[in-house]
């Protein structure tokens, strides 16, 4: 009894110190689906920069917990397949959208949000911010945020409703990082990726990604939703996660009003 109490107390203290709140996801209609195991509310003040490919720390995930993130959308031909695959397995993801694409396809941005996915930001035109002057880089970020917010809410706003941002190419400067941190915008790297910018078959991509996951066993996964090979590979990857007892964690900003998640 004492041992169990001590373990519970330590867990409670750790949760309080990280200022990250987790809630259980709701029921999924398909009991054999992968599901979303929990929702993680991320406080940008505590975790301003995450992802071991770029930064010293990442999110506090347990063994066999993964976060699915997609860059460069929305892109109708592939996102319709990706959203269908996620819905089939009751899984929720985070989409880092390019503002220009969001402006072109606002109905798809709203669909992503309506289906419970998190809408995050990835600049307006996917320029490499490392080679821009700080003011220009911030302008590119703000233009992307405003475009995505307009697509989602109908109002241009440089204050993102979800303060999550990912740099194109993971290229960044200290000045731009500091500017985002001062604004309370969390910067996301990744812990592993599928290298889906390299042409390969869906089977090859699945093999590459699952082999990498077997090594690290958890983390923030980077995928690109405009890639046809990724859209084709995703159903098999979700089945792999289910069959190998991985759990999907869905990210939302701290204090967000979340729609009930789905878990098996």
Protein backbone atom coordinates (compact mmCIF):
# COMPACT_ATOMS: atom_id res chain seq x y z
CA UNK A 1 0.00 0.00 0.00
CA UNK A 2 2.82 2.42 0.96
CA UNK A 3 4.71 1.64 -2.24
CA UNK A 4 1.65 2.34 -4.37
CA UNK A 5 0.95 5.57 -2.47
CA UNK A 6 4.55 6.78 -2.94
CA UNK A 7 4.45 6.06 -6.65
CA UNK A 8 1.17 7.92 -7.01
CA UNK A 9 2.51 10.87 -5.04
CA UNK A 10 5.65 11.08 -7.22
CA UNK A 11 3.55 10.99 -10.37
CA UNK A 12 1.32 13.76 -9.07
CA UNK A 13 4.27 15.96 -8.16
CA UNK A 14 5.90 15.38 -11.55
CA UNK A 15 2.70 16.35 -13.34
CA UNK A 16 2.40 19.50 -11.27
CA UNK A 17 6.00 20.54 -11.90
CA UNK A 18 5.77 20.13 -15.67
CA UNK A 19 2.46 22.02 -15.89
CA UNK A 20 1.23 19.47 -18.40
CA UNK A 21 -2.26 18.13 -17.92
CA UNK A 22 -3.35 14.80 -19.33
CA UNK A 23 -6.90 13.62 -19.66
CA UNK A 24 -8.25 10.30 -20.76
CA UNK A 25 -9.73 10.17 -24.23
CA UNK A 26 -13.33 9.11 -24.71
CA UNK A 27 -14.67 5.87 -26.11
CA UNK A 28 -14.11 4.83 -29.71
CA UNK A 29 -17.04 3.09 -31.46
CA UNK A 30 -14.66 0.44 -32.83
CA UNK A 31 -13.26 -1.57 -29.94
CA UNK A 32 -10.51 -3.02 -32.14
CA UNK A 33 -9.26 0.42 -33.26
CA UNK A 34 -5.91 1.88 -32.26
CA UNK A 35 -7.59 4.87 -30.62
CA UNK A 36 -6.19 7.95 -28.96
CA UNK A 37 -5.04 6.94 -25.50
CA UNK A 38 -4.89 10.39 -23.91
CA UNK A 39 -4.84 14.12 -24.56
CA UNK A 40 -1.75 16.05 -23.49
CA UNK A 41 -2.19 19.77 -22.75
CA UNK A 42 1.14 21.43 -23.53
CA UNK A 43 2.13 24.64 -21.76
CA UNK A 44 4.48 26.63 -24.00
CA UNK A 45 5.97 28.36 -20.95
CA UNK A 46 7.25 25.04 -19.64
CA UNK A 47 8.06 23.37 -22.94
CA UNK A 48 8.92 26.22 -25.34
CA UNK A 49 10.95 23.93 -27.64
CA UNK A 50 10.54 20.19 -28.02
CA UNK A 51 11.86 17.46 -30.30
CA UNK A 52 15.19 15.72 -29.89
CA UNK A 53 16.16 16.16 -33.55
CA UNK A 54 16.55 19.89 -32.83
CA UNK A 55 16.46 20.49 -29.08
CA UNK A 56 17.76 18.97 -25.83
CA UNK A 57 14.30 18.04 -24.58
CA UNK A 58 11.05 16.61 -25.83
CA UNK A 59 7.61 15.94 -24.41
CA UNK A 60 7.37 13.61 -21.40
CA UNK A 61 6.01 10.58 -23.21
CA UNK A 62 5.94 7.10 -21.75
CA UNK A 63 7.43 4.04 -23.43
CA UNK A 64 5.46 3.20 -26.59
CA UNK A 65 3.66 6.53 -26.66
CA UNK A 66 3.76 8.46 -29.95
CA UNK A 67 2.49 11.80 -31.22
CA UNK A 68 1.51 11.99 -34.90
CA UNK A 69 2.29 15.27 -36.65
CA UNK A 70 1.85 16.23 -40.30
CA UNK A 71 3.52 19.14 -42.13
CA UNK A 72 2.78 21.17 -45.27
CA UNK A 73 -0.97 20.74 -45.70
CA UNK A 74 -3.75 21.18 -46.27
CA UNK A 75 -3.64 19.27 -49.53
CA UNK A 76 -7.01 17.83 -50.65
CA UNK A 77 -5.94 14.81 -52.75
CA UNK A 78 -3.94 13.26 -49.92
CA UNK A 79 -5.53 14.78 -46.81
CA UNK A 80 -8.87 13.17 -47.57
CA UNK A 81 -7.15 9.77 -47.44
CA UNK A 82 -5.17 10.70 -44.32
CA UNK A 83 -8.22 11.96 -42.47
CA UNK A 84 -10.12 8.82 -43.43
CA UNK A 85 -7.31 6.61 -42.12
CA UNK A 86 -7.12 8.53 -38.85
CA UNK A 87 -10.90 8.40 -38.42
CA UNK A 88 -10.96 4.67 -39.10
CA UNK A 89 -8.58 4.10 -36.19
CA UNK A 90 -10.04 6.86 -33.95
CA UNK A 91 -6.70 8.66 -33.93
CA UNK A 92 -6.08 12.39 -33.59
CA UNK A 93 -3.05 14.21 -34.90
CA UNK A 94 -1.49 17.67 -35.14
CA UNK A 95 -1.34 19.37 -38.55
CA UNK A 96 1.29 22.09 -39.04
CA UNK A 97 -0.32 23.98 -41.92
CA UNK A 98 1.18 26.29 -44.52
CA UNK A 99 -0.83 29.50 -44.55
CA UNK A 100 -0.94 29.73 -48.32
CA UNK A 101 -2.45 26.23 -48.54
CA UNK A 102 -4.89 27.02 -45.72
CA UNK A 103 -6.10 30.07 -47.65
CA UNK A 104 -6.65 27.94 -50.74
CA UNK A 105 -8.51 25.17 -48.89
CA UNK A 106 -10.26 26.66 -45.84
CA UNK A 107 -12.96 24.00 -45.89
CA UNK A 108 -10.31 21.32 -45.32
CA UNK A 109 -8.80 23.27 -42.41
CA UNK A 110 -12.23 23.45 -40.80
CA UNK A 111 -12.80 19.74 -41.43
CA UNK A 112 -9.52 18.86 -39.69
CA UNK A 113 -10.54 20.89 -36.66
CA UNK A 114 -14.10 19.52 -36.67
CA UNK A 115 -12.73 15.98 -36.60
CA UNK A 116 -10.76 16.79 -33.47
CA UNK A 117 -7.28 17.35 -34.86
CA UNK A 118 -5.04 20.16 -33.68
CA UNK A 119 -4.32 22.95 -36.15
CA UNK A 120 -0.80 24.37 -35.80
CA UNK A 121 1.42 26.65 -37.88
CA UNK A 122 4.23 26.28 -40.43
CA UNK A 123 4.71 29.79 -41.99
CA UNK A 124 2.87 31.22 -44.97
CA UNK A 125 4.92 29.96 -47.92
CA UNK A 126 7.42 27.49 -46.41
CA UNK A 127 10.43 29.77 -46.83
CA UNK A 128 13.66 28.94 -45.04
CA UNK A 129 13.57 31.44 -42.17
CA UNK A 130 17.21 30.92 -41.27
CA UNK A 131 18.28 33.03 -44.24
CA UNK A 132 15.80 35.84 -43.68
CA UNK A 133 16.24 38.93 -41.55
CA UNK A 134 14.54 38.53 -38.16
CA UNK A 135 11.80 41.05 -39.00
CA UNK A 136 11.08 39.33 -42.30
CA UNK A 137 11.06 35.91 -40.66
CA UNK A 138 8.56 37.06 -38.03
CA UNK A 139 6.47 38.60 -40.80
CA UNK A 140 6.41 35.28 -42.65
CA UNK A 141 5.35 33.50 -39.46
CA UNK A 142 2.62 36.03 -38.71
CA UNK A 143 1.30 35.98 -42.26
CA UNK A 144 1.00 32.19 -42.02
CA UNK A 145 -0.74 32.38 -38.66
CA UNK A 146 -3.20 35.00 -39.94
CA UNK A 147 -4.00 32.94 -43.04
CA UNK A 148 -4.64 29.77 -41.07
CA UNK A 149 -6.67 31.60 -38.43
CA UNK A 150 -8.77 33.17 -41.18
CA UNK A 151 -9.40 29.76 -42.75
CA UNK A 152 -10.31 28.30 -39.37
CA UNK A 153 -12.20 31.11 -37.65
CA UNK A 154 -12.90 33.70 -40.35
CA UNK A 155 -10.73 36.35 -38.68
CA UNK A 156 -7.12 37.24 -39.45
CA UNK A 157 -5.18 37.18 -36.21
CA UNK A 158 -1.45 37.08 -35.55
CA UNK A 159 -2.15 35.53 -32.13
CA UNK A 160 -2.62 31.83 -32.84
CA UNK A 161 -5.51 30.01 -31.19
CA UNK A 162 -3.11 27.06 -30.98
CA UNK A 163 0.37 28.42 -30.13
CA UNK A 164 2.31 25.58 -31.78
CA UNK A 165 4.82 26.31 -34.57
CA UNK A 166 7.30 24.28 -36.61
CA UNK A 167 10.11 25.80 -38.67
CA UNK A 168 10.35 24.74 -42.33
CA UNK A 169 13.35 22.44 -42.77
CA UNK A 170 13.92 22.78 -38.98
CA UNK A 171 16.06 25.81 -39.87
CA UNK A 172 15.94 28.55 -37.24
CA UNK A 173 17.88 31.37 -35.61
CA UNK A 174 18.26 32.34 -31.94
CA UNK A 175 16.50 35.65 -32.63
CA UNK A 176 13.42 34.02 -34.14
CA UNK A 177 13.33 31.37 -31.42
CA UNK A 178 13.46 34.05 -28.75
CA UNK A 179 10.71 36.05 -30.45
CA UNK A 180 8.40 33.03 -30.47
CA UNK A 181 9.19 32.16 -26.87
CA UNK A 182 8.36 35.70 -25.74
CA UNK A 183 4.98 35.34 -27.45
CA UNK A 184 4.25 32.03 -25.73
CA UNK A 185 4.43 29.99 -28.95
CA UNK A 186 5.88 26.50 -28.54
CA UNK A 187 8.31 25.39 -31.23
CA UNK A 188 8.09 21.78 -32.33
CA UNK A 189 10.89 19.73 -33.77
CA UNK A 190 10.53 15.96 -33.98
CA UNK A 191 11.95 12.87 -32.35
CA UNK A 192 11.85 10.73 -35.48
CA UNK A 193 10.64 11.02 -39.04
CA UNK A 194 9.71 8.91 -42.03
CA UNK A 195 12.00 10.78 -44.47
CA UNK A 196 8.97 10.97 -46.75
CA UNK A 197 10.53 13.85 -48.68
CA UNK A 198 12.58 11.10 -50.37
CA UNK A 199 10.65 9.21 -53.06
CA UNK A 200 10.03 5.60 -52.07
CA UNK A 201 7.22 3.08 -52.12
CA UNK A 202 4.71 3.02 -49.25
CA UNK A 203 6.12 -0.37 -48.23
CA UNK A 204 9.65 1.00 -48.11
CA UNK A 205 8.51 3.98 -46.08
CA UNK A 206 6.63 1.77 -43.64
CA UNK A 207 9.72 -0.39 -43.14
CA UNK A 208 11.94 2.63 -42.59
CA UNK A 209 9.59 4.27 -40.11
CA UNK A 210 8.84 1.16 -38.08
CA UNK A 211 12.52 0.26 -37.85
CA UNK A 212 13.31 3.73 -36.52
CA UNK A 213 10.44 3.52 -34.05
CA UNK A 214 11.68 0.15 -32.78
CA UNK A 215 14.94 1.86 -31.80
CA UNK A 216 13.57 4.93 -29.97
CA UNK A 217 10.25 3.31 -28.86
CA UNK A 218 8.39 6.62 -28.44
CA UNK A 219 8.28 10.24 -29.57
CA UNK A 220 6.95 12.97 -31.82
CA UNK A 221 6.73 11.57 -35.36
CA UNK A 222 7.03 13.82 -38.41
CA UNK A 223 5.08 13.02 -41.58
CA UNK A 224 4.05 15.15 -44.58
CA UNK A 225 0.41 15.00 -45.56
CA UNK A 226 0.83 16.18 -49.19
CA UNK A 227 2.98 13.11 -49.93
CA UNK A 228 1.04 10.38 -51.75
CA UNK A 229 3.36 7.69 -50.39
CA UNK A 230 2.57 8.82 -46.84
CA UNK A 231 -1.17 8.76 -47.43
CA UNK A 232 -0.88 5.27 -48.88
CA UNK A 233 1.35 4.04 -46.05
CA UNK A 234 -0.63 5.49 -43.12
CA UNK A 235 -3.32 2.78 -42.70
CA UNK A 236 -0.65 0.09 -42.44
CA UNK A 237 1.39 2.18 -40.02
CA UNK A 238 -1.62 2.72 -37.76
CA UNK A 239 -2.25 -1.04 -37.79
CA UNK A 240 1.39 -1.58 -36.88
CA UNK A 241 1.02 0.76 -33.90
CA UNK A 242 -2.11 -1.07 -32.79
CA UNK A 243 -0.67 -4.55 -33.21
CA UNK A 244 2.54 -3.65 -31.39
CA UNK A 245 0.81 -2.02 -28.43
CA UNK A 246 1.78 1.59 -29.11
CA UNK A 247 -0.46 4.36 -27.78
CA UNK A 248 -1.25 7.62 -29.57
CA UNK A 249 -1.14 10.86 -27.57
CA UNK A 250 -2.99 13.91 -28.89
CA UNK A 251 -1.59 17.39 -28.23
CA UNK A 252 -3.57 20.52 -27.41
CA UNK A 253 -2.48 23.83 -25.86
CA UNK A 254 -2.78 24.18 -22.11
CA UNK A 255 -6.20 25.42 -21.07
CA UNK A 256 -7.83 24.49 -24.38
CA UNK A 257 -11.46 23.42 -24.48
CA UNK A 258 -11.03 19.97 -25.98
CA UNK A 259 -13.56 17.83 -27.72
CA UNK A 260 -13.77 14.41 -26.09
CA UNK A 261 -11.09 12.19 -27.59
CA UNK A 262 -11.50 8.63 -28.72
CA UNK A 263 -9.76 5.63 -27.24
CA UNK A 264 -10.19 1.93 -27.44
